[in-house]
Amino acid sequence: MKKSVVTFLLTISAVSFLSAQNLKGTVLYERFLASSIQGNPAGEDAMRRLTIYLPPGYYQSNQHYPVIYFLHGMYGEDSATMADLEINYLLDTAIAVKHIKPVIFVLPDSYTKYKGSFYTNSILTGNWADFIAKDVVDYVDAHFRTIANKTSRGIAGASMGGNGALKMGMLYPDVFSCVYAATPATLNWSDGNNTSIDAFKIISEAKTDSAIFNNYSATIMVDLGRTYSPDLNNPPFYADMPAYYIGDSLIIDTSTVRKWTEHFATNMIASHLDALRSLKAIKMDWGRNDAGRHVPVTCLEFSKKLELYGITHFAEEYLGGHAEFLNGTDGRIYTEILPFFDRYLAFETSK
């Protein structure tokens, strides 16, 4: 029997089973004060939201569960990502048919005024890496029955979130043991992500922050600037750009280029080898036909650099675009991400 037919039959069976037994997980929306964001000069709200999935039977047992943390992409939010990808349905189905064992699934809200945090500490916008690895993890461990150990914590994400997941693995190997990065974006300079793109002309001519929001690339570059090269004395964006225009003349700021280069995840590998080697499992994937031309190039570059340093990992290029085929029981969350963590996370042993 073909795999697609088997998947369809399993899905129909799971839906019927869930409906008959009412074995569905619970989705909660929590808000808490994140100390890592509090008091940031950019005025980003330190009251942050979490969307949390608790597996079926959570309230009827004393069991402790591993946790998968999922980082959304730029322009994304936690609750919207849960709804758009129907993650709770995928988890309910996967658990019902024993595709995976029960887990807690957490989506933190990292949306900012410029649409994303890049999960990086910034003196302007707040410490967003610490927000994930410290504030969020501490809150979840304190309020839910987690297995509060790195061996039972996984970090995943898509696009900007995939970038963030890789960084979390390098920066906080004492917090997370497994990393899955789905189509991680802006891992390094490359075609479509360099100092010659038109976005820097738009940014140079803009007088207000709203002036750049109509251009996707300009918004990303300003967001990266506020994250990688913040300058509290440089309005209106309070960031130095690696390239800018005086009239029609392009000027390259080599100092800022260097700052961005150091922050790009690919260039962090060499200085975080011990952390990478300590991780139990790393996987990344990307679409061959991603409209962001830099993504396939830099993902392959990242994988090859891991290989060069002898870092065991999985890397897969598939036929598709940017963060495609994530939803549905034939999508990559169900078929790849959830089984990955089911295999590598530590679960509570029977007592």
C-alpha atoms as a PDB file:
ATOM      1  CA  MET A   1       0.000   0.000   0.000  1.00  0.00           C
ATOM      2  CA  LYS A   2       1.360   3.420  -0.944  1.00  0.00           C
ATOM      3  CA  LYS A   3       2.616   5.696   1.846  1.00  0.00           C
ATOM      4  CA  SER A   4       0.126   8.465   0.948  1.00  0.00           C
ATOM      5  CA  VAL A   5      -2.803   6.053   1.228  1.00  0.00           C
ATOM      6  CA  VAL A   6      -1.548   4.756   4.570  1.00  0.00           C
ATOM      7  CA  THR A   7      -1.177   8.318   5.854  1.00  0.00           C
ATOM      8  CA  PHE A   8      -4.720   9.162   4.714  1.00  0.00           C
ATOM      9  CA  LEU A   9      -6.212   6.076   6.370  1.00  0.00           C
ATOM     10  CA  LEU A  10      -4.312   6.738   9.600  1.00  0.00           C
ATOM     11  CA  THR A  11      -5.525  10.325   9.596  1.00  0.00           C
ATOM     12  CA  ILE A  12      -9.172   9.314   9.089  1.00  0.00           C
ATOM     13  CA  SER A  13      -8.781   6.722  11.822  1.00  0.00           C
ATOM     14  CA  ALA A  14      -7.213   9.270  14.175  1.00  0.00           C
ATOM     15  CA  VAL A  15      -9.950  11.842  13.564  1.00  0.00           C
ATOM     16  CA  SER A  16     -12.642   9.250  14.257  1.00  0.00           C
ATOM     17  CA  PHE A  17     -10.811   8.044  17.344  1.00  0.00           C
ATOM     18  CA  LEU A  18     -10.296  11.550  18.710  1.00  0.00           C
ATOM     19  CA  SER A  19     -13.926  12.463  18.121  1.00  0.00           C
ATOM     20  CA  ALA A  20     -15.208   9.301  19.752  1.00  0.00           C
ATOM     21  CA  GLN A  21     -12.941   9.418  22.791  1.00  0.00           C
ATOM     22  CA  ASN A  22     -12.536  13.203  23.051  1.00  0.00           C
ATOM     23  CA  LEU A  23      -8.795  12.627  23.493  1.00  0.00           C
ATOM     24  CA  LYS A  24      -7.603  16.056  22.567  1.00  0.00           C
ATOM     25  CA  GLY A  25      -4.851  18.163  24.030  1.00  0.00           C
ATOM     26  CA  THR A  26      -5.397  21.544  25.676  1.00  0.00           C
ATOM     27  CA  VAL A  27      -4.167  24.832  24.191  1.00  0.00           C
ATOM     28  CA  LEU A  28      -3.425  27.585  26.704  1.00  0.00           C
ATOM     29  CA  TYR A  29      -2.524  31.232  26.144  1.00  0.00           C
ATOM     30  CA  GLU A  30      -0.371  32.571  28.957  1.00  0.00           C
ATOM     31  CA  ARG A  31       1.145  36.011  29.562  1.00  0.00           C
ATOM     32  CA  PHE A  32       4.076  36.800  31.808  1.00  0.00           C
ATOM     33  CA  LEU A  33       6.621  39.552  32.447  1.00  0.00           C
ATOM     34  CA  ALA A  34       9.903  38.690  30.711  1.00  0.00           C
ATOM     35  CA  SER A  35      12.820  40.133  32.652  1.00  0.00           C
ATOM     36  CA  SER A  36      15.155  39.798  29.650  1.00  0.00           C
ATOM     37  CA  ILE A  37      12.976  42.229  27.660  1.00  0.00           C
ATOM     38  CA  GLN A  38      12.033  44.554  30.492  1.00  0.00           C
ATOM     39  CA  GLY A  39      13.343  48.128  30.252  1.00  0.00           C
ATOM     40  CA  ASN A  40      14.599  47.912  26.664  1.00  0.00           C
ATOM     41  CA  PRO A  41      15.176  51.348  25.035  1.00  0.00           C
ATOM     42  CA  ALA A  42      13.081  50.440  21.976  1.00  0.00           C
ATOM     43  CA  GLY A  43       9.937  50.164  24.076  1.00  0.00           C
ATOM     44  CA  GLU A  44       9.209  46.530  23.173  1.00  0.00           C
ATOM     45  CA  ASP A  45       6.513  45.138  25.459  1.00  0.00           C
ATOM     46  CA  ALA A  46       8.013  42.937  28.179  1.00  0.00           C
ATOM     47  CA  MET A  47       4.622  41.310  28.814  1.00  0.00           C
ATOM     48  CA  ARG A  48       4.973  38.358  26.485  1.00  0.00           C
ATOM     49  CA  ARG A  49       2.540  35.659  25.457  1.00  0.00           C
ATOM     50  CA  LEU A  50       3.067  31.921  25.239  1.00  0.00           C
ATOM     51  CA  THR A  51       0.884  29.481  23.323  1.00  0.00           C
ATOM     52  CA  ILE A  52       1.180  26.118  25.056  1.00  0.00           C
ATOM     53  CA  TYR A  53      -0.107  22.704  24.033  1.00  0.00           C
ATOM     54  CA  LEU A  54      -0.656  20.172  26.822  1.00  0.00           C
ATOM     55  CA  PRO A  55      -1.161  16.580  25.661  1.00  0.00           C
ATOM     56  CA  PRO A  56      -4.344  14.537  26.181  1.00  0.00           C
ATOM     57  CA  GLY A  57      -4.635  13.265  29.723  1.00  0.00           C
ATOM     58  CA  TYR A  58      -2.379  15.952  31.174  1.00  0.00           C
ATOM     59  CA  TYR A  59      -4.858  16.944  33.892  1.00  0.00           C
ATOM     60  CA  GLN A  60      -5.747  13.344  34.721  1.00  0.00           C
ATOM     61  CA  SER A  61      -2.199  12.208  35.497  1.00  0.00           C
ATOM     62  CA  ASN A  62       0.952  13.119  37.403  1.00  0.00           C
ATOM     63  CA  GLN A  63       3.183  12.401  34.432  1.00  0.00           C
ATOM     64  CA  HIS A  64       6.032  14.740  33.482  1.00  0.00           C
ATOM     65  CA  TYR A  65       6.667  15.488  29.814  1.00  0.00           C
ATOM     66  CA  PRO A  66       9.493  16.603  27.521  1.00  0.00           C
ATOM     67  CA  VAL A  67       9.012  19.971  25.849  1.00  0.00           C
ATOM     68  CA  ILE A  68       9.420  21.087  22.244  1.00  0.00           C
ATOM     69  CA  TYR A  69       9.923  24.852  21.903  1.00  0.00           C
ATOM     70  CA  PHE A  70       9.009  26.187  18.448  1.00  0.00           C
ATOM     71  CA  LEU A  71      10.225  29.617  17.274  1.00  0.00           C
ATOM     72  CA  HIS A  72       8.061  31.423  14.714  1.00  0.00           C
ATOM     73  CA  GLY A  73       9.335  33.314  11.692  1.00  0.00           C
ATOM     74  CA  MET A  74       9.505  37.029  10.979  1.00  0.00           C
ATOM     75  CA  TYR A  75       6.030  38.613  10.775  1.00  0.00           C
ATOM     76  CA  GLY A  76       4.756  35.595  12.718  1.00  0.00           C
ATOM     77  CA  GLU A  77       3.263  35.267  16.175  1.00  0.00           C
ATOM     78  CA  ASP A  78       2.785  32.371  18.543  1.00  0.00           C
ATOM     79  CA  SER A  79      -0.998  31.939  18.445  1.00  0.00           C
ATOM     80  CA  ALA A  80      -1.179  32.625  14.701  1.00  0.00           C
ATOM     81  CA  THR A  81       1.501  30.032  14.017  1.00  0.00           C
ATOM     82  CA  MET A  82      -0.372  27.465  16.109  1.00  0.00           C
ATOM     83  CA  ALA A  83      -3.606  28.181  14.231  1.00  0.00           C
ATOM     84  CA  ASP A  84      -2.169  28.538  10.714  1.00  0.00           C
ATOM     85  CA  LEU A  85      -0.211  25.287  10.915  1.00  0.00           C
ATOM     86  CA  GLU A  86      -2.899  23.516  12.978  1.00  0.00           C
ATOM     87  CA  ILE A  87      -0.157  22.291  15.293  1.00  0.00           C
ATOM     88  CA  ASN A  88      -2.566  21.198  18.013  1.00  0.00           C
ATOM     89  CA  TYR A  89      -4.417  18.983  15.514  1.00  0.00           C
ATOM     90  CA  LEU A  90      -1.124  17.502  14.283  1.00  0.00           C
ATOM     91  CA  LEU A  91      -0.073  16.753  17.857  1.00  0.00           C
ATOM     92  CA  ASP A  92      -3.458  15.266  18.757  1.00  0.00           C
ATOM     93  CA  THR A  93      -3.327  13.027  15.700  1.00  0.00           C
ATOM     94  CA  ALA A  94       0.305  12.003  16.130  1.00  0.00           C
ATOM     95  CA  ILE A  95      -0.250  11.085  19.778  1.00  0.00           C
ATOM     96  CA  ALA A  96      -3.528   9.241  19.086  1.00  0.00           C
ATOM     97  CA  VAL A  97      -2.003   6.917  16.473  1.00  0.00           C
ATOM     98  CA  LYS A  98       1.222   6.553  18.512  1.00  0.00           C
ATOM     99  CA  HIS A  99       3.246   8.302  15.839  1.00  0.00           C
ATOM    100  CA  ILE A 100       4.876  10.098  18.787  1.00  0.00           C
ATOM    101  CA  LYS A 101       4.684   9.907  22.556  1.00  0.00           C
ATOM    102  CA  PRO A 102       2.874  12.715  24.433  1.00  0.00           C
ATOM    103  CA  VAL A 103       4.818  15.989  24.704  1.00  0.00           C
ATOM    104  CA  ILE A 104       4.296  19.603  25.719  1.00  0.00           C
ATOM    105  CA  PHE A 105       4.664  22.017  22.804  1.00  0.00           C
ATOM    106  CA  VAL A 106       5.442  25.719  23.418  1.00  0.00           C
ATOM    107  CA  LEU A 107       5.361  28.663  21.005  1.00  0.00           C
ATOM    108  CA  PRO A 108       6.798  31.898  22.478  1.00  0.00           C
ATOM    109  CA  ASP A 109       5.729  35.258  21.049  1.00  0.00           C
ATOM    110  CA  SER A 110       8.798  37.104  19.736  1.00  0.00           C
ATOM    111  CA  TYR A 111       7.019  39.604  17.492  1.00  0.00           C
ATOM    112  CA  THR A 112       8.471  43.132  17.672  1.00  0.00           C
ATOM    113  CA  LYS A 113       7.776  46.583  16.188  1.00  0.00           C
ATOM    114  CA  TYR A 114       9.935  45.596  13.225  1.00  0.00           C
ATOM    115  CA  LYS A 115       8.271  42.175  12.899  1.00  0.00           C
ATOM    116  CA  GLY A 116      10.942  39.978  14.482  1.00  0.00           C
ATOM    117  CA  SER A 117      13.636  39.617  17.116  1.00  0.00           C
ATOM    118  CA  PHE A 118      16.026  37.232  15.348  1.00  0.00           C
ATOM    119  CA  TYR A 119      16.271  35.614  18.773  1.00  0.00           C
ATOM    120  CA  THR A 120      19.387  37.634  19.510  1.00  0.00           C
ATOM    121  CA  ASN A 121      20.316  39.822  22.479  1.00  0.00           C
ATOM    122  CA  SER A 122      20.258  43.532  21.607  1.00  0.00           C
ATOM    123  CA  ILE A 123      21.017  46.606  23.720  1.00  0.00           C
ATOM    124  CA  LEU A 124      18.168  48.316  21.854  1.00  0.00           C
ATOM    125  CA  THR A 125      15.290  45.853  21.633  1.00  0.00           C
ATOM    126  CA  GLY A 126      16.020  43.529  24.553  1.00  0.00           C
ATOM    127  CA  ASN A 127      17.732  40.202  25.161  1.00  0.00           C
ATOM    128  CA  TRP A 128      15.677  37.894  22.979  1.00  0.00           C
ATOM    129  CA  ALA A 129      18.048  34.916  23.163  1.00  0.00           C
ATOM    130  CA  ASP A 130      17.869  35.066  26.960  1.00  0.00           C
ATOM    131  CA  PHE A 131      14.108  35.491  26.696  1.00  0.00           C
ATOM    132  CA  ILE A 132      13.793  32.069  25.066  1.00  0.00           C
ATOM    133  CA  ALA A 133      16.435  30.104  26.935  1.00  0.00           C
ATOM    134  CA  LYS A 134      15.886  31.640  30.375  1.00  0.00           C
ATOM    135  CA  ASP A 135      12.550  33.442  30.784  1.00  0.00           C
ATOM    136  CA  VAL A 136      10.380  31.108  28.716  1.00  0.00           C
ATOM    137  CA  VAL A 137      11.993  27.861  29.836  1.00  0.00           C
ATOM    138  CA  ASP A 138      11.921  28.912  33.500  1.00  0.00           C
ATOM    139  CA  TYR A 139       8.249  29.904  33.244  1.00  0.00           C
ATOM    140  CA  VAL A 140       7.219  26.647  31.582  1.00  0.00           C
ATOM    141  CA  ASP A 141       9.192  24.511  34.042  1.00  0.00           C
ATOM    142  CA  ALA A 142       7.673  26.402  36.983  1.00  0.00           C
ATOM    143  CA  HIS A 143       4.059  26.178  35.831  1.00  0.00           C
ATOM    144  CA  PHE A 144       3.784  22.808  34.077  1.00  0.00           C
ATOM    145  CA  ARG A 145       4.856  19.225  34.652  1.00  0.00           C
ATOM    146  CA  THR A 146       7.919  19.203  32.476  1.00  0.00           C
ATOM    147  CA  ILE A 147      10.976  17.017  32.681  1.00  0.00           C
ATOM    148  CA  ALA A 148      13.168  19.937  33.687  1.00  0.00           C
ATOM    149  CA  ASN A 149      16.368  18.730  32.094  1.00  0.00           C
ATOM    150  CA  LYS A 150      18.140  19.609  28.842  1.00  0.00           C
ATOM    151  CA  THR A 151      17.844  16.010  27.661  1.00  0.00           C
ATOM    152  CA  SER A 152      14.075  16.509  27.556  1.00  0.00           C
ATOM    153  CA  ARG A 153      14.074  19.936  25.874  1.00  0.00           C
ATOM    154  CA  GLY A 154      14.136  20.436  22.113  1.00  0.00           C
ATOM    155  CA  ILE A 155      14.237  23.686  20.147  1.00  0.00           C
ATOM    156  CA  ALA A 156      12.840  24.084  16.634  1.00  0.00           C
ATOM    157  CA  GLY A 157      11.745  26.876  14.352  1.00  0.00           C
ATOM    158  CA  ALA A 158      11.036  27.953  10.796  1.00  0.00           C
ATOM    159  CA  SER A 159      12.672  30.740   8.764  1.00  0.00           C
ATOM    160  CA  MET A 160      13.832  33.373  11.293  1.00  0.00           C
ATOM    161  CA  GLY A 161      12.855  30.773  13.885  1.00  0.00           C
ATOM    162  CA  GLY A 162      15.079  28.165  12.239  1.00  0.00           C
ATOM    163  CA  ASN A 163      17.947  30.636  12.473  1.00  0.00           C
ATOM    164  CA  GLY A 164      17.066  31.170  16.122  1.00  0.00           C
ATOM    165  CA  ALA A 165      16.931  27.442  16.849  1.00  0.00           C
ATOM    166  CA  LEU A 166      20.476  26.967  15.550  1.00  0.00           C
ATOM    167  CA  LYS A 167      21.679  29.897  17.646  1.00  0.00           C
ATOM    168  CA  MET A 168      19.933  28.556  20.755  1.00  0.00           C
ATOM    169  CA  GLY A 169      21.737  25.255  20.286  1.00  0.00           C
ATOM    170  CA  MET A 170      25.088  27.010  20.077  1.00  0.00           C
ATOM    171  CA  LEU A 171      24.490  29.514  22.880  1.00  0.00           C
ATOM    172  CA  TYR A 172      22.549  27.346  25.330  1.00  0.00           C
ATOM    173  CA  PRO A 173      23.630  23.694  25.032  1.00  0.00           C
ATOM    174  CA  ASP A 174      23.020  23.401  28.774  1.00  0.00           C
ATOM    175  CA  VAL A 175      19.320  24.179  28.170  1.00  0.00           C
ATOM    176  CA  PHE A 176      18.498  22.320  24.926  1.00  0.00           C
ATOM    177  CA  SER A 177      19.742  18.965  23.689  1.00  0.00           C
ATOM    178  CA  CYS A 178      18.145  18.704  20.229  1.00  0.00           C
ATOM    179  CA  VAL A 179      17.739  21.247  17.424  1.00  0.00           C
ATOM    180  CA  TYR A 180      15.586  21.195  14.286  1.00  0.00           C
ATOM    181  CA  ALA A 181      15.932  24.215  11.970  1.00  0.00           C
ATOM    182  CA  ALA A 182      13.342  24.378   9.174  1.00  0.00           C
ATOM    183  CA  THR A 183      14.451  26.605   6.266  1.00  0.00           C
ATOM    184  CA  PRO A 184      16.608  28.839   8.497  1.00  0.00           C
ATOM    185  CA  ALA A 185      16.957  32.300   6.930  1.00  0.00           C
ATOM    186  CA  THR A 186      19.788  34.877   6.916  1.00  0.00           C
ATOM    187  CA  LEU A 187      22.452  32.462   8.103  1.00  0.00           C
ATOM    188  CA  ASN A 188      25.118  34.452   6.241  1.00  0.00           C
ATOM    189  CA  TRP A 189      25.749  36.941   3.474  1.00  0.00           C
ATOM    190  CA  SER A 190      24.748  35.634   0.064  1.00  0.00           C
ATOM    191  CA  ASP A 191      22.780  36.378  -3.074  1.00  0.00           C
ATOM    192  CA  GLY A 192      19.756  38.448  -2.076  1.00  0.00           C
ATOM    193  CA  ASN A 193      21.216  39.150   1.355  1.00  0.00           C
ATOM    194  CA  ASN A 194      24.147  41.479   0.818  1.00  0.00           C
ATOM    195  CA  THR A 195      25.140  45.148   0.807  1.00  0.00           C
ATOM    196  CA  SER A 196      24.180  45.698  -2.836  1.00  0.00           C
ATOM    197  CA  ILE A 197      20.434  45.084  -2.483  1.00  0.00           C
ATOM    198  CA  ASP A 198      17.994  47.948  -3.178  1.00  0.00           C
ATOM    199  CA  ALA A 199      16.708  47.874   0.386  1.00  0.00           C
ATOM    200  CA  PHE A 200      19.586  50.023   1.602  1.00  0.00           C
ATOM    201  CA  LYS A 201      18.635  52.782  -0.841  1.00  0.00           C
ATOM    202  CA  ILE A 202      15.079  52.737   0.524  1.00  0.00           C
ATOM    203  CA  ILE A 203      16.374  52.831   4.112  1.00  0.00           C
ATOM    204  CA  SER A 204      18.733  55.734   3.373  1.00  0.00           C
ATOM    205  CA  GLU A 205      15.885  57.823   1.961  1.00  0.00           C
ATOM    206  CA  ALA A 206      13.365  56.974   4.685  1.00  0.00           C
ATOM    207  CA  LYS A 207      12.572  59.650   7.263  1.00  0.00           C
ATOM    208  CA  THR A 208      10.281  57.610   9.502  1.00  0.00           C
ATOM    209  CA  ASP A 209      10.104  53.988  10.559  1.00  0.00           C
ATOM    210  CA  SER A 210       6.762  53.488   8.783  1.00  0.00           C
ATOM    211  CA  ALA A 211       8.405  54.455   5.479  1.00  0.00           C
ATOM    212  CA  ILE A 212      10.156  51.110   5.160  1.00  0.00           C
ATOM    213  CA  PHE A 213       7.280  48.785   6.093  1.00  0.00           C
ATOM    214  CA  ASN A 214       6.004  48.590   2.515  1.00  0.00           C
ATOM    215  CA  ASN A 215       9.245  46.887   1.477  1.00  0.00           C
ATOM    216  CA  TYR A 216       9.876  43.425   2.866  1.00  0.00           C
ATOM    217  CA  SER A 217      13.656  43.466   2.379  1.00  0.00           C
ATOM    218  CA  ALA A 218      14.019  46.946   3.881  1.00  0.00           C
ATOM    219  CA  THR A 219      12.050  45.883   6.948  1.00  0.00           C
ATOM    220  CA  ILE A 220      14.280  42.834   7.409  1.00  0.00           C
ATOM    221  CA  MET A 221      17.468  44.885   7.038  1.00  0.00           C
ATOM    222  CA  VAL A 222      16.327  47.483   9.573  1.00  0.00           C
ATOM    223  CA  ASP A 223      15.308  44.702  11.943  1.00  0.00           C
ATOM    224  CA  LEU A 224      18.728  43.083  11.549  1.00  0.00           C
ATOM    225  CA  GLY A 225      20.375  46.454  12.158  1.00  0.00           C
ATOM    226  CA  ARG A 226      18.407  47.035  15.353  1.00  0.00           C
ATOM    227  CA  THR A 227      19.486  43.552  16.427  1.00  0.00           C
ATOM    228  CA  TYR A 228      23.098  43.224  15.188  1.00  0.00           C
ATOM    229  CA  SER A 229      24.283  46.849  15.076  1.00  0.00           C
ATOM    230  CA  PRO A 230      22.048  48.996  17.287  1.00  0.00           C
ATOM    231  CA  ASP A 231      22.997  52.657  17.735  1.00  0.00           C
ATOM    232  CA  LEU A 232      20.983  54.550  20.324  1.00  0.00           C
ATOM    233  CA  ASN A 233      22.199  57.843  18.819  1.00  0.00           C
ATOM    234  CA  ASN A 234      21.188  57.167  15.222  1.00  0.00           C
ATOM    235  CA  PRO A 235      17.483  57.910  14.555  1.00  0.00           C
ATOM    236  CA  PRO A 236      15.035  57.125  13.057  1.00  0.00           C
ATOM    237  CA  PHE A 237      15.915  53.414  13.189  1.00  0.00           C
ATOM    238  CA  TYR A 238      18.523  53.584  15.948  1.00  0.00           C
ATOM    239  CA  ALA A 239      20.764  51.241  14.027  1.00  0.00           C
ATOM    240  CA  ASP A 240      23.839  51.427  11.834  1.00  0.00           C
ATOM    241  CA  MET A 241      23.451  49.917   8.387  1.00  0.00           C
ATOM    242  CA  PRO A 242      26.224  47.956   6.636  1.00  0.00           C
ATOM    243  CA  ALA A 243      25.455  49.959   3.490  1.00  0.00           C
ATOM    244  CA  TYR A 244      23.907  53.370   2.898  1.00  0.00           C
ATOM    245  CA  TYR A 245      23.590  55.968   0.171  1.00  0.00           C
ATOM    246  CA  ILE A 246      24.702  59.546  -0.121  1.00  0.00           C
ATOM    247  CA  GLY A 247      22.781  60.653  -3.166  1.00  0.00           C
ATOM    248  CA  ASP A 248      23.292  57.852  -5.664  1.00  0.00           C
ATOM    249  CA  SER A 249      26.621  56.765  -4.191  1.00  0.00           C
ATOM    250  CA  LEU A 250      26.714  53.489  -2.269  1.00  0.00           C
ATOM    251  CA  ILE A 251      28.849  53.581   0.871  1.00  0.00           C
ATOM    252  CA  ILE A 252      29.913  50.366   2.618  1.00  0.00           C
ATOM    253  CA  ASP A 253      30.379  50.616   6.385  1.00  0.00           C
ATOM    254  CA  THR A 254      33.018  47.933   6.978  1.00  0.00           C
ATOM    255  CA  SER A 255      32.705  48.138  10.754  1.00  0.00           C
ATOM    256  CA  THR A 256      28.990  47.358  10.602  1.00  0.00           C
ATOM    257  CA  VAL A 257      29.559  44.653   7.988  1.00  0.00           C
ATOM    258  CA  ARG A 258      31.931  43.033  10.473  1.00  0.00           C
ATOM    259  CA  LYS A 259      29.321  43.160  13.251  1.00  0.00           C
ATOM    260  CA  TRP A 260      26.680  41.506  11.089  1.00  0.00           C
ATOM    261  CA  THR A 261      29.163  38.893   9.885  1.00  0.00           C
ATOM    262  CA  GLU A 262      29.985  37.930  13.458  1.00  0.00           C
ATOM    263  CA  HIS A 263      26.288  37.587  14.319  1.00  0.00           C
ATOM    264  CA  PHE A 264      25.374  35.409  11.332  1.00  0.00           C
ATOM    265  CA  ALA A 265      24.931  31.849  12.590  1.00  0.00           C
ATOM    266  CA  THR A 266      27.304  30.264  10.063  1.00  0.00           C
ATOM    267  CA  ASN A 267      30.163  32.360  11.383  1.00  0.00           C
ATOM    268  CA  MET A 268      29.401  31.377  14.979  1.00  0.00           C
ATOM    269  CA  ILE A 269      30.144  27.696  14.342  1.00  0.00           C
ATOM    270  CA  ALA A 270      33.913  27.849  14.831  1.00  0.00           C
ATOM    271  CA  SER A 271      33.612  29.506  18.240  1.00  0.00           C
ATOM    272  CA  HIS A 272      30.877  27.156  19.481  1.00  0.00           C
ATOM    273  CA  LEU A 273      32.255  23.752  18.536  1.00  0.00           C
ATOM    274  CA  ASP A 274      32.070  22.308  22.036  1.00  0.00           C
ATOM    275  CA  ALA A 275      28.440  23.350  22.305  1.00  0.00           C
ATOM    276  CA  LEU A 276      27.543  21.841  18.944  1.00  0.00           C
ATOM    277  CA  ARG A 277      29.328  18.593  19.749  1.00  0.00           C
ATOM    278  CA  SER A 278      27.455  18.326  23.038  1.00  0.00           C
ATOM    279  CA  LEU A 279      24.037  18.369  21.342  1.00  0.00           C
ATOM    280  CA  LYS A 280      22.364  15.003  20.997  1.00  0.00           C
ATOM    281  CA  ALA A 281      20.926  15.704  17.544  1.00  0.00           C
ATOM    282  CA  ILE A 282      20.835  18.491  14.941  1.00  0.00           C
ATOM    283  CA  LYS A 283      18.728  18.583  11.797  1.00  0.00           C
ATOM    284  CA  MET A 284      18.102  21.280   9.220  1.00  0.00           C
ATOM    285  CA  ASP A 285      16.116  21.337   6.002  1.00  0.00           C
ATOM    286  CA  TRP A 286      15.344  23.812   3.236  1.00  0.00           C
ATOM    287  CA  GLY A 287      13.439  24.152  -0.025  1.00  0.00           C
ATOM    288  CA  ARG A 288      15.513  24.078  -3.180  1.00  0.00           C
ATOM    289  CA  ASN A 289      13.333  26.731  -4.856  1.00  0.00           C
ATOM    290  CA  ASP A 290      13.126  29.194  -1.959  1.00  0.00           C
ATOM    291  CA  ALA A 291      12.255  32.703  -3.190  1.00  0.00           C
ATOM    292  CA  GLY A 292      14.833  33.951  -0.697  1.00  0.00           C
ATOM    293  CA  ARG A 293      17.778  33.072  -2.925  1.00  0.00           C
ATOM    294  CA  HIS A 294      20.226  33.125  -0.042  1.00  0.00           C
ATOM    295  CA  VAL A 295      18.441  30.369   1.895  1.00  0.00           C
ATOM    296  CA  PRO A 296      19.442  27.234  -0.104  1.00  0.00           C
ATOM    297  CA  VAL A 297      22.988  28.550  -0.540  1.00  0.00           C
ATOM    298  CA  THR A 298      23.577  29.438   3.093  1.00  0.00           C
ATOM    299  CA  CYS A 299      21.844  26.344   4.465  1.00  0.00           C
ATOM    300  CA  LEU A 300      24.142  24.129   2.406  1.00  0.00           C
ATOM    301  CA  GLU A 301      27.102  26.265   3.481  1.00  0.00           C
ATOM    302  CA  PHE A 302      26.114  25.874   7.149  1.00  0.00           C
ATOM    303  CA  SER A 303      25.794  22.094   6.773  1.00  0.00           C
ATOM    304  CA  LYS A 304      29.142  21.808   4.995  1.00  0.00           C
ATOM    305  CA  LYS A 305      30.835  23.833   7.712  1.00  0.00           C
ATOM    306  CA  LEU A 306      29.388  21.510  10.361  1.00  0.00           C
ATOM    307  CA  GLU A 307      30.691  18.599   8.318  1.00  0.00           C
ATOM    308  CA  LEU A 308      34.122  20.222   8.037  1.00  0.00           C
ATOM    309  CA  TYR A 309      34.368  20.361  11.824  1.00  0.00           C
ATOM    310  CA  GLY A 310      33.058  16.839  12.255  1.00  0.00           C
ATOM    311  CA  ILE A 311      29.707  17.876  13.762  1.00  0.00           C
ATOM    312  CA  THR A 312      27.228  15.025  13.285  1.00  0.00           C
ATOM    313  CA  HIS A 313      23.939  16.306  11.894  1.00  0.00           C
ATOM    314  CA  PHE A 314      21.164  15.702   9.376  1.00  0.00           C
ATOM    315  CA  ALA A 315      20.621  18.036   6.421  1.00  0.00           C
ATOM    316  CA  GLU A 316      17.950  17.736   3.746  1.00  0.00           C
ATOM    317  CA  GLU A 317      17.084  19.772   0.684  1.00  0.00           C
ATOM    318  CA  TYR A 318      13.587  19.140  -0.667  1.00  0.00           C
ATOM    319  CA  LEU A 319      11.616  20.268  -3.699  1.00  0.00           C
ATOM    320  CA  GLY A 320       9.757  23.342  -2.530  1.00  0.00           C
ATOM    321  CA  GLY A 321       9.902  26.980  -1.562  1.00  0.00           C
ATOM    322  CA  HIS A 322      10.280  28.823   1.720  1.00  0.00           C
ATOM    323  CA  ALA A 323       8.931  26.946   4.737  1.00  0.00           C
ATOM    324  CA  GLU A 324       6.544  25.021   2.505  1.00  0.00           C
ATOM    325  CA  PHE A 325       4.866  21.748   3.357  1.00  0.00           C
ATOM    326  CA  LEU A 326       4.910  22.297   7.118  1.00  0.00           C
ATOM    327  CA  ASN A 327       1.222  21.706   7.832  1.00  0.00           C
ATOM    328  CA  GLY A 328      -1.001  18.678   7.310  1.00  0.00           C
ATOM    329  CA  THR A 329      -0.315  15.063   8.184  1.00  0.00           C
ATOM    330  CA  ASP A 330       1.786  14.810   5.038  1.00  0.00           C
ATOM    331  CA  GLY A 331       3.710  17.973   5.971  1.00  0.00           C
ATOM    332  CA  ARG A 332       7.109  18.233   7.555  1.00  0.00           C
ATOM    333  CA  ILE A 333       6.000  19.050  11.095  1.00  0.00           C
ATOM    334  CA  TYR A 334       4.142  15.746  11.251  1.00  0.00           C
ATOM    335  CA  THR A 335       6.473  13.590   9.165  1.00  0.00           C
ATOM    336  CA  GLU A 336       9.869  15.025  10.154  1.00  0.00           C
ATOM    337  CA  ILE A 337       9.938  17.443  13.109  1.00  0.00           C
ATOM    338  CA  LEU A 338       7.749  15.557  15.578  1.00  0.00           C
ATOM    339  CA  PRO A 339       9.368  12.131  14.940  1.00  0.00           C
ATOM    340  CA  PHE A 340      12.822  13.744  15.223  1.00  0.00           C
ATOM    341  CA  PHE A 341      12.117  14.930  18.763  1.00  0.00           C
ATOM    342  CA  ASP A 342      10.258  11.732  19.652  1.00  0.00           C
ATOM    343  CA  ARG A 343      13.426   9.834  18.819  1.00  0.00           C
ATOM    344  CA  TYR A 344      15.979  12.061  20.521  1.00  0.00           C
ATOM    345  CA  LEU A 345      14.284  13.602  23.559  1.00  0.00           C
ATOM    346  CA  ALA A 346      14.310  11.776  26.875  1.00  0.00           C
ATOM    347  CA  PHE A 347      10.866  10.746  28.158  1.00  0.00           C
ATOM    348  CA  GLU A 348       9.822   9.908  31.693  1.00  0.00           C
ATOM    349  CA  THR A 349      10.359   6.246  32.480  1.00  0.00           C
ATOM    350  CA  SER A 350       7.538   4.156  33.906  1.00  0.00           C
ATOM    351  CA  LYS A 351       7.456   4.019  37.689  1.00  0.00           C
END
